[in-house]
Amino acid sequence: MASAVTCSPTWAHVTSASYKFLYFGRGSTTGRSRVLRQQMEESAGAKAKIRSEFLDVLLSRRRPLQVPPTVEIAKPVKDPLFQRNGSLGSAEAMESCPTEHVEDFKDRLVEENLFLITEAGEQGRMPVLILSMKETTQQRRPAIVFLHSSYRFKEWLRPLLEAYASRGYVAIAIDSRYHGERASNKTTYLDALVSAWKNGDTMPFLFDTVWDLIKLGDYLVQREDIDPARIGITGESLGGMHAWLAAAVDTRYAVVVPIIGVQGFRWALDNDKWQARVDSIKPVFEEARVDLGKKEIDKEVVEKVWDRIAPGLASQFDSPYTVPSIAPRPQLILNGAEDPRCPIAGLDTPISRATEVYKEADCPDKFKMIAYDGIGHEMTVSMVKDASDWFDKFLKG
């Protein structure tokens, strides 16, 4: 059963950013104030340009550009598809998430399963899982979107969804493109990446899911139980990349916490540190190597793949530009200090630039990056706790 979404999506939140609240009403006409205002206007213009260019890329491969914004009721997934052999791994970190004791929690927990139509075609049916607490009075609550890592699915995130729901949030998870209910076998995601290299008609690595997250924003802001000004977004690994880039292009994501996801794609190319990231989705690079007549995967192969399947990822949409563009919204970046897929050295420039931008916006406390000593590419108990504290501070505080 489908029902039409009542409001039409607009792109004002994507193509512009307002900083008027930062300096209007202060009454100062000093030279320093005029310089600060000019710097802020220039910064806002640069951010709007990034969002506009990013949106143009996302729109360039939609099939077609416009589809009716509809929601279809779905059923809970009993046996979600994991696109790897062996164990899913430990859920210890997620299960450690702070939880509020609620009497009759299971009875009061409200679960919604639905499909949100984001574009034409099979992959345009985005599965969504929403958990919240049944309330006696109707009120708008903060919401957080949670995004899974590669080869997993939205149901994997249930411990986090339940923990946040117990604390008064509306907790949302989706299946990323070619994952979960959007996958038909254990190679669906990798097959899609190879197809994107061959045909250049889709962007299964990051960008297509970022499009879905914009459409998800259209849906969330019109729900009567969600405060449209208090929507956060977070994710692990692939999900961390999705969260970072979605927040960069869509300002409705008011607080962002990417976990083991933010990295410097250009820096990795220039410093010969791309191998670990490439190994995580190696078949597409092997295909490109053969097509390009190379004996081994090298920098040229990697760069051509990024340009083909995620245009701009290693240039204008890379972290030195998109991480600062999230300001002045609260942003917490959590990475392992020994993570080979997200090398900390590659974040020096984006972190320093973002730090300066948040200072210029007079809100340095809204930006923080934590690198955990001795930790590689894994989400830890400490990361889950730090993310929880950050969301409580800026979405509920």
Foldseek 3Di string as FASTA:
>chain_A
DKDFDDDDDDQPQQQFDDLCVLQPPPPDPDPVSVVLVVVVVVLRNLLNVLLVVLVVVLCVQAPDNDDGWMKAFDDDDDDWFQLDPDDPDDPVLLLLFAADDDVVLVVFKDKGWMWTQLGDDLQRTKIKIKIAGHDPDADAAAEEEEEEAPRAFFVSNVSNRSRVRRVGYTYMYIGQDCGIVNPDHSCSLLVVLLVLLVPLNAQSQQSNRLSVVSSVLVRQCPDRHHPQQRYAYEYAASRLQNQLLSLSRGVSRQAYEYAAHAAAPLVCLVVVLQVVVCVVSVPNLVSQCVVVVHPDRHSVSVVSSCCRNPNQCNHCSHLLHRLLSSPPGQYEYEHACAESNHHPVRCPNNVVNNCVSNVSSVHNVRYYYDHHYPDYRDDHNVSSHVVSVSSCVPNVD
